[in-house]
């Protein structure tokens, strides 16, 4: 039987850290279609749990961490609790009031319609909304979005640091939760894990509300660590998808393209250094021996990239997974 809003157990997970001013309003705005609300007090120094306990809502389940684990660690705790309670769709929103809980039905609709397994908010869909966004967030998201596309293989999504998401439990069960990043890389890391199971993802246009809340995410501090993690995930994804699970023309293009490109670059640098040291001019043949591998290698790598963009998962996997549960 196809799932509908009325016969689906919907859970909301809210990581709570320094959100005591906004969390009450957020909880009161969560629509009635939600079955369970998991608030995870992530060792909040403002004692979020004391505020959460004052909200009169039987759907609320308070979970606490003795040690701060970050947004990823809080979500892992919430995800595990929702799966244990047999929830069907799990939504993630933040407790700082930037995400409108009224959009929850919009986020879960494509999942229930079997269009995708995971939905994610996109604050960049409407051009006029970008004008209200801080410049550092715009620049940071542009850079992180490009890195995320490369590392996860989801070339069709944007705004990777957006924490407004929804996922079907059947797809979530296929992900090794304990291997997910526990800090701010969580949103990007789960995309990488979703690609390894070929889950389909859809962006949901949304507006963010910026008020007096203070973001704990500092773009300048996370850019370099994120770069290393993205490179690591890209390497894993390529090995998983193009050499372990499958071997296709794109695999050959990558095997030929990378060595040729780097051979040309290294050989060219060595020959240029030799020419400078000896004050001699390199021959045309030497130049071509460097340039040709670079050109051919680039062509192979661009062909691989074109193939990778063309195989973005488009079909939801949760309908067949859910039928076997």
C-alpha atoms as a PDB file:
ATOM      1  CA  UNK A   1       0.000   0.000   0.000  1.00  0.00           C
ATOM      2  CA  UNK A   2       1.311   3.409  -1.003  1.00  0.00           C
ATOM      3  CA  UNK A   3       2.102   5.674   1.909  1.00  0.00           C
ATOM      4  CA  UNK A   4       0.074   8.840   2.455  1.00  0.00           C
ATOM      5  CA  UNK A   5       0.257  11.656   4.955  1.00  0.00           C
ATOM      6  CA  UNK A   6      -2.490  10.046   7.051  1.00  0.00           C
ATOM      7  CA  UNK A   7      -0.946   6.566   7.343  1.00  0.00           C
ATOM      8  CA  UNK A   8       2.700   7.611   7.730  1.00  0.00           C
ATOM      9  CA  UNK A   9       4.547   7.931  11.017  1.00  0.00           C
ATOM     10  CA  UNK A  10       6.467  11.183  10.667  1.00  0.00           C
ATOM     11  CA  UNK A  11       9.246  12.092  13.061  1.00  0.00           C
ATOM     12  CA  UNK A  12      11.061  15.390  13.517  1.00  0.00           C
ATOM     13  CA  UNK A  13      14.578  15.513  14.962  1.00  0.00           C
ATOM     14  CA  UNK A  14      15.822  18.833  16.351  1.00  0.00           C
ATOM     15  CA  UNK A  15      19.475  19.204  17.469  1.00  0.00           C
ATOM     16  CA  UNK A  16      19.402  21.673  20.362  1.00  0.00           C
ATOM     17  CA  UNK A  17      22.452  23.783  21.140  1.00  0.00           C
ATOM     18  CA  UNK A  18      22.166  27.416  22.227  1.00  0.00           C
ATOM     19  CA  UNK A  19      18.597  27.708  20.965  1.00  0.00           C
ATOM     20  CA  UNK A  20      16.767  28.410  24.227  1.00  0.00           C
ATOM     21  CA  UNK A  21      15.345  31.700  22.873  1.00  0.00           C
ATOM     22  CA  UNK A  22      13.778  30.136  19.780  1.00  0.00           C
ATOM     23  CA  UNK A  23      13.053  26.461  20.581  1.00  0.00           C
ATOM     24  CA  UNK A  24       9.641  27.016  22.193  1.00  0.00           C
ATOM     25  CA  UNK A  25       8.302  28.856  19.141  1.00  0.00           C
ATOM     26  CA  UNK A  26       9.723  26.168  16.845  1.00  0.00           C
ATOM     27  CA  UNK A  27       8.093  23.338  18.799  1.00  0.00           C
ATOM     28  CA  UNK A  28       4.723  25.083  18.918  1.00  0.00           C
ATOM     29  CA  UNK A  29       4.791  25.551  15.143  1.00  0.00           C
ATOM     30  CA  UNK A  30       5.311  21.873  14.262  1.00  0.00           C
ATOM     31  CA  UNK A  31       2.188  20.664  12.391  1.00  0.00           C
ATOM     32  CA  UNK A  32      -0.190  17.990  13.683  1.00  0.00           C
ATOM     33  CA  UNK A  33       0.796  15.511  10.957  1.00  0.00           C
ATOM     34  CA  UNK A  34       4.028  14.853  12.890  1.00  0.00           C
ATOM     35  CA  UNK A  35       3.864  11.791  15.144  1.00  0.00           C
ATOM     36  CA  UNK A  36       7.049  12.190  17.221  1.00  0.00           C
ATOM     37  CA  UNK A  37       9.384  15.083  17.982  1.00  0.00           C
ATOM     38  CA  UNK A  38      12.888  14.180  19.152  1.00  0.00           C
ATOM     39  CA  UNK A  39      14.706  17.086  20.794  1.00  0.00           C
ATOM     40  CA  UNK A  40      18.370  16.286  21.344  1.00  0.00           C
ATOM     41  CA  UNK A  41      20.002  18.462  24.000  1.00  0.00           C
ATOM     42  CA  UNK A  42      23.604  18.272  22.832  1.00  0.00           C
ATOM     43  CA  UNK A  43      25.168  19.186  26.186  1.00  0.00           C
ATOM     44  CA  UNK A  44      23.788  22.690  25.667  1.00  0.00           C
ATOM     45  CA  UNK A  45      25.454  25.246  27.998  1.00  0.00           C
ATOM     46  CA  UNK A  46      22.159  27.189  28.080  1.00  0.00           C
ATOM     47  CA  UNK A  47      20.331  24.115  29.413  1.00  0.00           C
ATOM     48  CA  UNK A  48      17.942  23.717  26.470  1.00  0.00           C
ATOM     49  CA  UNK A  49      16.225  20.755  28.085  1.00  0.00           C
ATOM     50  CA  UNK A  50      14.789  22.901  30.877  1.00  0.00           C
ATOM     51  CA  UNK A  51      13.006  25.047  28.267  1.00  0.00           C
ATOM     52  CA  UNK A  52      11.887  22.042  26.196  1.00  0.00           C
ATOM     53  CA  UNK A  53      10.337  20.425  29.282  1.00  0.00           C
ATOM     54  CA  UNK A  54       8.008  23.403  29.717  1.00  0.00           C
ATOM     55  CA  UNK A  55       6.372  22.807  26.307  1.00  0.00           C
ATOM     56  CA  UNK A  56       3.116  20.878  26.696  1.00  0.00           C
ATOM     57  CA  UNK A  57       3.234  18.453  23.773  1.00  0.00           C
ATOM     58  CA  UNK A  58       2.992  14.684  24.251  1.00  0.00           C
ATOM     59  CA  UNK A  59       4.827  14.115  20.969  1.00  0.00           C
ATOM     60  CA  UNK A  60       8.066  15.508  22.380  1.00  0.00           C
ATOM     61  CA  UNK A  61      10.768  13.014  23.360  1.00  0.00           C
ATOM     62  CA  UNK A  62      13.765  14.630  25.059  1.00  0.00           C
ATOM     63  CA  UNK A  63      17.156  13.032  24.441  1.00  0.00           C
ATOM     64  CA  UNK A  64      20.319  14.314  26.108  1.00  0.00           C
ATOM     65  CA  UNK A  65      24.071  14.140  25.584  1.00  0.00           C
ATOM     66  CA  UNK A  66      26.430  14.445  28.514  1.00  0.00           C
ATOM     67  CA  UNK A  67      29.194  15.492  26.093  1.00  0.00           C
ATOM     68  CA  UNK A  68      28.707  17.755  23.088  1.00  0.00           C
ATOM     69  CA  UNK A  69      28.865  15.687  19.883  1.00  0.00           C
ATOM     70  CA  UNK A  70      27.946  18.324  17.318  1.00  0.00           C
ATOM     71  CA  UNK A  71      24.994  18.486  14.976  1.00  0.00           C
ATOM     72  CA  UNK A  72      25.884  15.169  13.357  1.00  0.00           C
ATOM     73  CA  UNK A  73      26.149  13.391  16.687  1.00  0.00           C
ATOM     74  CA  UNK A  74      22.782  14.810  17.760  1.00  0.00           C
ATOM     75  CA  UNK A  75      21.176  13.700  14.500  1.00  0.00           C
ATOM     76  CA  UNK A  76      22.584  10.189  14.793  1.00  0.00           C
ATOM     77  CA  UNK A  77      21.011   9.914  18.252  1.00  0.00           C
ATOM     78  CA  UNK A  78      17.697  11.235  16.926  1.00  0.00           C
ATOM     79  CA  UNK A  79      17.746   9.010  13.844  1.00  0.00           C
ATOM     80  CA  UNK A  80      18.362   5.897  15.940  1.00  0.00           C
ATOM     81  CA  UNK A  81      15.484   6.785  18.285  1.00  0.00           C
ATOM     82  CA  UNK A  82      13.109   7.389  15.342  1.00  0.00           C
ATOM     83  CA  UNK A  83      14.055   4.093  13.698  1.00  0.00           C
ATOM     84  CA  UNK A  84      13.588   2.263  16.994  1.00  0.00           C
ATOM     85  CA  UNK A  85      10.068   3.722  17.241  1.00  0.00           C
ATOM     86  CA  UNK A  86       9.302   2.527  13.683  1.00  0.00           C
ATOM     87  CA  UNK A  87       8.861   5.984  12.182  1.00  0.00           C
ATOM     88  CA  UNK A  88       8.532   6.034   8.392  1.00  0.00           C
ATOM     89  CA  UNK A  89       9.879   9.469   7.449  1.00  0.00           C
ATOM     90  CA  UNK A  90      12.334  11.468   9.555  1.00  0.00           C
ATOM     91  CA  UNK A  91      12.629  15.226   9.152  1.00  0.00           C
ATOM     92  CA  UNK A  92      15.519  17.333  10.427  1.00  0.00           C
ATOM     93  CA  UNK A  93      15.060  20.971  11.344  1.00  0.00           C
ATOM     94  CA  UNK A  94      17.165  23.291  13.455  1.00  0.00           C
ATOM     95  CA  UNK A  95      15.936  24.831  16.672  1.00  0.00           C
ATOM     96  CA  UNK A  96      17.076  28.389  15.893  1.00  0.00           C
ATOM     97  CA  UNK A  97      13.901  29.443  14.089  1.00  0.00           C
ATOM     98  CA  UNK A  98      15.471  29.806  10.625  1.00  0.00           C
ATOM     99  CA  UNK A  99      13.413  26.917   9.232  1.00  0.00           C
ATOM    100  CA  UNK A 100       9.637  27.111   8.958  1.00  0.00           C
ATOM    101  CA  UNK A 101       8.046  23.927  10.405  1.00  0.00           C
ATOM    102  CA  UNK A 102       4.980  24.558   8.230  1.00  0.00           C
ATOM    103  CA  UNK A 103       7.060  23.314   5.278  1.00  0.00           C
ATOM    104  CA  UNK A 104       7.322  19.788   6.712  1.00  0.00           C
ATOM    105  CA  UNK A 105       4.465  18.424   4.515  1.00  0.00           C
ATOM    106  CA  UNK A 106       6.192  19.983   1.489  1.00  0.00           C
ATOM    107  CA  UNK A 107       9.458  18.214   2.327  1.00  0.00           C
ATOM    108  CA  UNK A 108       7.891  14.796   2.806  1.00  0.00           C
ATOM    109  CA  UNK A 109       5.464  14.934  -0.154  1.00  0.00           C
ATOM    110  CA  UNK A 110       8.043  13.909  -2.823  1.00  0.00           C
ATOM    111  CA  UNK A 111       9.108  11.001  -0.604  1.00  0.00           C
ATOM    112  CA  UNK A 112       5.555   9.762  -0.104  1.00  0.00           C
ATOM    113  CA  UNK A 113       4.958  10.156  -3.853  1.00  0.00           C
ATOM    114  CA  UNK A 114       7.989   7.893  -4.430  1.00  0.00           C
ATOM    115  CA  UNK A 115       9.823  10.594  -6.373  1.00  0.00           C
ATOM    116  CA  UNK A 116      12.899  10.437  -4.149  1.00  0.00           C
ATOM    117  CA  UNK A 117      14.306   9.067  -0.894  1.00  0.00           C
ATOM    118  CA  UNK A 118      15.714  12.284   0.572  1.00  0.00           C
ATOM    119  CA  UNK A 119      14.728  15.927   0.310  1.00  0.00           C
ATOM    120  CA  UNK A 120      16.883  18.900   1.186  1.00  0.00           C
ATOM    121  CA  UNK A 121      16.183  22.610   1.444  1.00  0.00           C
ATOM    122  CA  UNK A 122      17.616  25.076  -1.058  1.00  0.00           C
ATOM    123  CA  UNK A 123      17.767  28.725   0.004  1.00  0.00           C
ATOM    124  CA  UNK A 124      19.265  29.811  -3.336  1.00  0.00           C
ATOM    125  CA  UNK A 125      16.341  28.878  -5.581  1.00  0.00           C
ATOM    126  CA  UNK A 126      14.776  32.351  -5.525  1.00  0.00           C
ATOM    127  CA  UNK A 127      17.159  35.107  -6.547  1.00  0.00           C
ATOM    128  CA  UNK A 128      15.396  37.734  -4.425  1.00  0.00           C
ATOM    129  CA  UNK A 129      15.993  35.655  -1.281  1.00  0.00           C
ATOM    130  CA  UNK A 130      19.760  35.794  -1.749  1.00  0.00           C
ATOM    131  CA  UNK A 131      19.722  39.553  -1.154  1.00  0.00           C
ATOM    132  CA  UNK A 132      18.760  38.919   2.487  1.00  0.00           C
ATOM    133  CA  UNK A 133      21.569  36.428   3.038  1.00  0.00           C
ATOM    134  CA  UNK A 134      24.919  37.493   4.588  1.00  0.00           C
ATOM    135  CA  UNK A 135      27.681  37.730   1.964  1.00  0.00           C
ATOM    136  CA  UNK A 136      29.942  35.293   3.808  1.00  0.00           C
ATOM    137  CA  UNK A 137      27.188  32.659   3.657  1.00  0.00           C
ATOM    138  CA  UNK A 138      26.698  33.206  -0.069  1.00  0.00           C
ATOM    139  CA  UNK A 139      30.415  32.809  -0.831  1.00  0.00           C
ATOM    140  CA  UNK A 140      30.843  29.891   1.542  1.00  0.00           C
ATOM    141  CA  UNK A 141      27.840  28.028   0.157  1.00  0.00           C
ATOM    142  CA  UNK A 142      28.992  28.517  -3.438  1.00  0.00           C
ATOM    143  CA  UNK A 143      32.389  27.003  -2.640  1.00  0.00           C
ATOM    144  CA  UNK A 144      30.986  24.196  -0.499  1.00  0.00           C
ATOM    145  CA  UNK A 145      28.286  23.386  -3.063  1.00  0.00           C
ATOM    146  CA  UNK A 146      30.865  22.829  -5.788  1.00  0.00           C
ATOM    147  CA  UNK A 147      32.994  20.621  -3.532  1.00  0.00           C
ATOM    148  CA  UNK A 148      29.900  18.674  -2.444  1.00  0.00           C
ATOM    149  CA  UNK A 149      28.809  18.043  -6.027  1.00  0.00           C
ATOM    150  CA  UNK A 150      32.207  16.535  -6.809  1.00  0.00           C
ATOM    151  CA  UNK A 151      32.533  14.433  -3.675  1.00  0.00           C
ATOM    152  CA  UNK A 152      28.955  13.127  -3.447  1.00  0.00           C
ATOM    153  CA  UNK A 153      28.066  12.751  -7.129  1.00  0.00           C
ATOM    154  CA  UNK A 154      24.797  14.665  -6.679  1.00  0.00           C
ATOM    155  CA  UNK A 155      25.329  17.309  -9.345  1.00  0.00           C
ATOM    156  CA  UNK A 156      21.649  18.261  -9.215  1.00  0.00           C
ATOM    157  CA  UNK A 157      21.615  19.614  -5.637  1.00  0.00           C
ATOM    158  CA  UNK A 158      22.728  22.904  -4.127  1.00  0.00           C
ATOM    159  CA  UNK A 159      23.059  24.535  -0.712  1.00  0.00           C
ATOM    160  CA  UNK A 160      24.758  21.516   0.949  1.00  0.00           C
ATOM    161  CA  UNK A 161      24.979  23.070   4.422  1.00  0.00           C
ATOM    162  CA  UNK A 162      21.193  23.466   4.558  1.00  0.00           C
ATOM    163  CA  UNK A 163      19.969  21.429   7.522  1.00  0.00           C
ATOM    164  CA  UNK A 164      16.294  21.212   6.566  1.00  0.00           C
ATOM    165  CA  UNK A 165      15.994  17.625   5.321  1.00  0.00           C
ATOM    166  CA  UNK A 166      13.684  14.621   5.220  1.00  0.00           C
ATOM    167  CA  UNK A 167      14.523  10.964   4.608  1.00  0.00           C
ATOM    168  CA  UNK A 168      12.586   7.720   4.335  1.00  0.00           C
ATOM    169  CA  UNK A 169      13.395   5.229   7.080  1.00  0.00           C
ATOM    170  CA  UNK A 170      13.973   2.416   4.569  1.00  0.00           C
ATOM    171  CA  UNK A 171      16.801   4.394   2.957  1.00  0.00           C
ATOM    172  CA  UNK A 172      18.151   5.556   6.322  1.00  0.00           C
ATOM    173  CA  UNK A 173      18.475   1.949   7.489  1.00  0.00           C
ATOM    174  CA  UNK A 174      20.882   1.282   4.621  1.00  0.00           C
ATOM    175  CA  UNK A 175      23.292   3.948   5.888  1.00  0.00           C
ATOM    176  CA  UNK A 176      25.931   3.090   8.543  1.00  0.00           C
ATOM    177  CA  UNK A 177      24.900   5.778  11.018  1.00  0.00           C
ATOM    178  CA  UNK A 178      27.895   5.315  13.288  1.00  0.00           C
ATOM    179  CA  UNK A 179      30.220   6.175  10.386  1.00  0.00           C
ATOM    180  CA  UNK A 180      28.611   9.556   9.683  1.00  0.00           C
ATOM    181  CA  UNK A 181      30.541  12.704  10.555  1.00  0.00           C
ATOM    182  CA  UNK A 182      29.444  14.053  13.935  1.00  0.00           C
ATOM    183  CA  UNK A 183      30.161  17.744  13.370  1.00  0.00           C
ATOM    184  CA  UNK A 184      29.175  20.232  10.675  1.00  0.00           C
ATOM    185  CA  UNK A 185      30.312  17.947   7.856  1.00  0.00           C
ATOM    186  CA  UNK A 186      27.296  15.776   8.651  1.00  0.00           C
ATOM    187  CA  UNK A 187      25.047  17.274   5.930  1.00  0.00           C
ATOM    188  CA  UNK A 188      27.653  16.646   3.217  1.00  0.00           C
ATOM    189  CA  UNK A 189      28.697  13.254   4.573  1.00  0.00           C
ATOM    190  CA  UNK A 190      25.167  11.853   4.544  1.00  0.00           C
ATOM    191  CA  UNK A 191      24.879  12.866   0.871  1.00  0.00           C
ATOM    192  CA  UNK A 192      27.995  10.816   0.141  1.00  0.00           C
ATOM    193  CA  UNK A 193      26.525   7.844   2.009  1.00  0.00           C
ATOM    194  CA  UNK A 194      23.235   8.202   0.140  1.00  0.00           C
ATOM    195  CA  UNK A 195      25.083   8.049  -3.175  1.00  0.00           C
ATOM    196  CA  UNK A 196      26.718   4.765  -2.199  1.00  0.00           C
ATOM    197  CA  UNK A 197      23.235   3.230  -1.940  1.00  0.00           C
ATOM    198  CA  UNK A 198      22.029   5.071  -5.086  1.00  0.00           C
ATOM    199  CA  UNK A 199      19.293   6.993  -3.282  1.00  0.00           C
ATOM    200  CA  UNK A 200      17.449   9.722  -5.168  1.00  0.00           C
ATOM    201  CA  UNK A 201      17.564  13.285  -3.815  1.00  0.00           C
ATOM    202  CA  UNK A 202      15.422  16.333  -4.513  1.00  0.00           C
ATOM    203  CA  UNK A 203      15.981  19.991  -3.624  1.00  0.00           C
ATOM    204  CA  UNK A 204      13.070  21.849  -2.019  1.00  0.00           C
ATOM    205  CA  UNK A 205      12.994  25.648  -2.497  1.00  0.00           C
ATOM    206  CA  UNK A 206      12.650  27.434   0.838  1.00  0.00           C
ATOM    207  CA  UNK A 207      13.192  30.753   2.529  1.00  0.00           C
ATOM    208  CA  UNK A 208      15.448  31.133   5.547  1.00  0.00           C
ATOM    209  CA  UNK A 209      14.613  33.541   8.361  1.00  0.00           C
ATOM    210  CA  UNK A 210      17.578  35.458   9.778  1.00  0.00           C
ATOM    211  CA  UNK A 211      16.985  37.296  13.019  1.00  0.00           C
ATOM    212  CA  UNK A 212      19.099  37.661  16.167  1.00  0.00           C
ATOM    213  CA  UNK A 213      20.226  34.040  16.280  1.00  0.00           C
ATOM    214  CA  UNK A 214      23.977  33.401  16.226  1.00  0.00           C
ATOM    215  CA  UNK A 215      25.281  30.804  13.812  1.00  0.00           C
ATOM    216  CA  UNK A 216      27.790  28.344  15.234  1.00  0.00           C
ATOM    217  CA  UNK A 217      29.042  27.559  11.726  1.00  0.00           C
ATOM    218  CA  UNK A 218      32.099  29.636  10.783  1.00  0.00           C
ATOM    219  CA  UNK A 219      32.881  29.310   7.066  1.00  0.00           C
ATOM    220  CA  UNK A 220      36.477  30.508   7.484  1.00  0.00           C
ATOM    221  CA  UNK A 221      37.215  27.769  10.024  1.00  0.00           C
ATOM    222  CA  UNK A 222      35.619  24.841   8.216  1.00  0.00           C
ATOM    223  CA  UNK A 223      36.734  25.450   4.618  1.00  0.00           C
ATOM    224  CA  UNK A 224      40.112  23.697   4.788  1.00  0.00           C
ATOM    225  CA  UNK A 225      38.927  20.751   6.945  1.00  0.00           C
ATOM    226  CA  UNK A 226      35.926  20.346   4.644  1.00  0.00           C
ATOM    227  CA  UNK A 227      38.222  20.314   1.590  1.00  0.00           C
ATOM    228  CA  UNK A 228      40.170  17.361   2.993  1.00  0.00           C
ATOM    229  CA  UNK A 229      36.992  15.459   3.886  1.00  0.00           C
ATOM    230  CA  UNK A 230      35.496  16.085   0.441  1.00  0.00           C
ATOM    231  CA  UNK A 231      38.624  14.763  -1.261  1.00  0.00           C
ATOM    232  CA  UNK A 232      38.469  11.668   0.933  1.00  0.00           C
ATOM    233  CA  UNK A 233      34.798  11.054   0.111  1.00  0.00           C
ATOM    234  CA  UNK A 234      35.383  11.643  -3.608  1.00  0.00           C
ATOM    235  CA  UNK A 235      38.132   9.015  -3.605  1.00  0.00           C
ATOM    236  CA  UNK A 236      35.895   6.532  -1.781  1.00  0.00           C
ATOM    237  CA  UNK A 237      32.966   7.191  -4.112  1.00  0.00           C
ATOM    238  CA  UNK A 238      35.047   6.680  -7.242  1.00  0.00           C
ATOM    239  CA  UNK A 239      36.488   3.423  -5.920  1.00  0.00           C
ATOM    240  CA  UNK A 240      33.057   2.144  -4.812  1.00  0.00           C
ATOM    241  CA  UNK A 241      31.098   3.114  -7.925  1.00  0.00           C
ATOM    242  CA  UNK A 242      33.648   2.781 -10.726  1.00  0.00           C
ATOM    243  CA  UNK A 243      35.938  -0.060  -9.673  1.00  0.00           C
ATOM    244  CA  UNK A 244      34.310  -2.235  -6.996  1.00  0.00           C
ATOM    245  CA  UNK A 245      30.633  -2.215  -8.034  1.00  0.00           C
ATOM    246  CA  UNK A 246      31.140  -1.596 -11.722  1.00  0.00           C
ATOM    247  CA  UNK A 247      33.797  -1.175 -14.369  1.00  0.00           C
ATOM    248  CA  UNK A 248      32.728   0.807 -17.409  1.00  0.00           C
ATOM    249  CA  UNK A 249      34.156   3.199 -20.045  1.00  0.00           C
ATOM    250  CA  UNK A 250      34.251   5.991 -17.449  1.00  0.00           C
ATOM    251  CA  UNK A 251      36.533   3.823 -15.308  1.00  0.00           C
ATOM    252  CA  UNK A 252      38.949   3.441 -18.230  1.00  0.00           C
ATOM    253  CA  UNK A 253      38.806   7.165 -18.960  1.00  0.00           C
ATOM    254  CA  UNK A 254      39.790   7.909 -15.368  1.00  0.00           C
ATOM    255  CA  UNK A 255      42.576   5.303 -15.368  1.00  0.00           C
ATOM    256  CA  UNK A 256      44.067   6.806 -18.524  1.00  0.00           C
ATOM    257  CA  UNK A 257      43.293  10.464 -17.921  1.00  0.00           C
ATOM    258  CA  UNK A 258      44.795  10.969 -14.456  1.00  0.00           C
ATOM    259  CA  UNK A 259      48.230   9.381 -15.164  1.00  0.00           C
ATOM    260  CA  UNK A 260      48.534  11.134 -18.530  1.00  0.00           C
ATOM    261  CA  UNK A 261      47.648  14.527 -17.076  1.00  0.00           C
ATOM    262  CA  UNK A 262      50.053  14.299 -14.152  1.00  0.00           C
ATOM    263  CA  UNK A 263      52.825  12.832 -16.314  1.00  0.00           C
ATOM    264  CA  UNK A 264      52.539  15.848 -18.620  1.00  0.00           C
ATOM    265  CA  UNK A 265      52.512  18.317 -15.728  1.00  0.00           C
ATOM    266  CA  UNK A 266      55.454  16.753 -13.870  1.00  0.00           C
ATOM    267  CA  UNK A 267      57.501  16.230 -17.042  1.00  0.00           C
ATOM    268  CA  UNK A 268      56.822  19.818 -18.114  1.00  0.00           C
ATOM    269  CA  UNK A 269      57.913  21.223 -14.739  1.00  0.00           C
ATOM    270  CA  UNK A 270      61.095  19.154 -14.771  1.00  0.00           C
ATOM    271  CA  UNK A 271      61.960  20.209 -18.324  1.00  0.00           C
ATOM    272  CA  UNK A 272      61.208  23.856 -17.554  1.00  0.00           C
ATOM    273  CA  UNK A 273      63.478  23.708 -14.483  1.00  0.00           C
ATOM    274  CA  UNK A 274      66.207  22.093 -16.558  1.00  0.00           C
ATOM    275  CA  UNK A 275      65.881  24.801 -19.230  1.00  0.00           C
ATOM    276  CA  UNK A 276      66.141  27.561 -16.634  1.00  0.00           C
ATOM    277  CA  UNK A 277      69.136  25.973 -14.931  1.00  0.00           C
ATOM    278  CA  UNK A 278      71.044  25.342 -18.184  1.00  0.00           C
ATOM    279  CA  UNK A 279      69.770  28.450 -19.982  1.00  0.00           C
ATOM    280  CA  UNK A 280      68.748  26.341 -22.973  1.00  0.00           C
ATOM    281  CA  UNK A 281      65.561  26.355 -24.992  1.00  0.00           C
ATOM    282  CA  UNK A 282      63.493  23.160 -24.962  1.00  0.00           C
ATOM    283  CA  UNK A 283      62.884  21.535 -28.331  1.00  0.00           C
ATOM    284  CA  UNK A 284      59.463  21.378 -29.935  1.00  0.00           C
ATOM    285  CA  UNK A 285      59.384  17.645 -29.333  1.00  0.00           C
ATOM    286  CA  UNK A 286      60.028  18.127 -25.618  1.00  0.00           C
ATOM    287  CA  UNK A 287      57.243  20.687 -25.378  1.00  0.00           C
ATOM    288  CA  UNK A 288      54.821  18.390 -27.187  1.00  0.00           C
ATOM    289  CA  UNK A 289      55.814  15.474 -24.953  1.00  0.00           C
ATOM    290  CA  UNK A 290      54.570  17.544 -22.038  1.00  0.00           C
ATOM    291  CA  UNK A 291      51.580  19.286 -23.651  1.00  0.00           C
ATOM    292  CA  UNK A 292      50.041  16.310 -25.451  1.00  0.00           C
ATOM    293  CA  UNK A 293      49.563  14.106 -22.336  1.00  0.00           C
ATOM    294  CA  UNK A 294      48.056  17.095 -20.512  1.00  0.00           C
ATOM    295  CA  UNK A 295      45.570  17.758 -23.326  1.00  0.00           C
ATOM    296  CA  UNK A 296      44.613  14.093 -23.782  1.00  0.00           C
ATOM    297  CA  UNK A 297      44.461  13.551 -20.013  1.00  0.00           C
ATOM    298  CA  UNK A 298      42.159  16.549 -19.615  1.00  0.00           C
ATOM    299  CA  UNK A 299      39.882  15.217 -22.363  1.00  0.00           C
ATOM    300  CA  UNK A 300      39.641  11.831 -20.653  1.00  0.00           C
ATOM    301  CA  UNK A 301      38.881  13.437 -17.278  1.00  0.00           C
ATOM    302  CA  UNK A 302      36.239  15.731 -18.783  1.00  0.00           C
ATOM    303  CA  UNK A 303      34.614  12.707 -20.421  1.00  0.00           C
ATOM    304  CA  UNK A 304      34.593  10.969 -17.049  1.00  0.00           C
ATOM    305  CA  UNK A 305      33.009  14.059 -15.481  1.00  0.00           C
ATOM    306  CA  UNK A 306      30.320  14.149 -18.155  1.00  0.00           C
ATOM    307  CA  UNK A 307      29.515  10.501 -17.505  1.00  0.00           C
ATOM    308  CA  UNK A 308      29.429  11.071 -13.730  1.00  0.00           C
ATOM    309  CA  UNK A 309      26.940  13.927 -14.126  1.00  0.00           C
ATOM    310  CA  UNK A 310      24.748  11.734 -16.316  1.00  0.00           C
ATOM    311  CA  UNK A 311      24.424   8.901 -13.792  1.00  0.00           C
ATOM    312  CA  UNK A 312      23.038  10.910 -10.848  1.00  0.00           C
ATOM    313  CA  UNK A 313      20.502   8.592  -9.101  1.00  0.00           C
ATOM    314  CA  UNK A 314      16.987   9.522 -10.243  1.00  0.00           C
ATOM    315  CA  UNK A 315      14.772   6.641  -9.056  1.00  0.00           C
ATOM    316  CA  UNK A 316      13.699   6.275  -5.431  1.00  0.00           C
ATOM    317  CA  UNK A 317      14.948   3.077  -3.815  1.00  0.00           C
ATOM    318  CA  UNK A 318      12.756   3.146  -0.697  1.00  0.00           C
ATOM    319  CA  UNK A 319       9.595   1.683  -2.319  1.00  0.00           C
ATOM    320  CA  UNK A 320      11.263  -1.665  -2.985  1.00  0.00           C
ATOM    321  CA  UNK A 321      13.218  -1.552   0.274  1.00  0.00           C
ATOM    322  CA  UNK A 322      10.073  -0.685   2.255  1.00  0.00           C
ATOM    323  CA  UNK A 323       8.159  -3.579   0.698  1.00  0.00           C
ATOM    324  CA  UNK A 324      10.731  -6.042   2.065  1.00  0.00           C
ATOM    325  CA  UNK A 325      10.689  -4.707   5.642  1.00  0.00           C
END
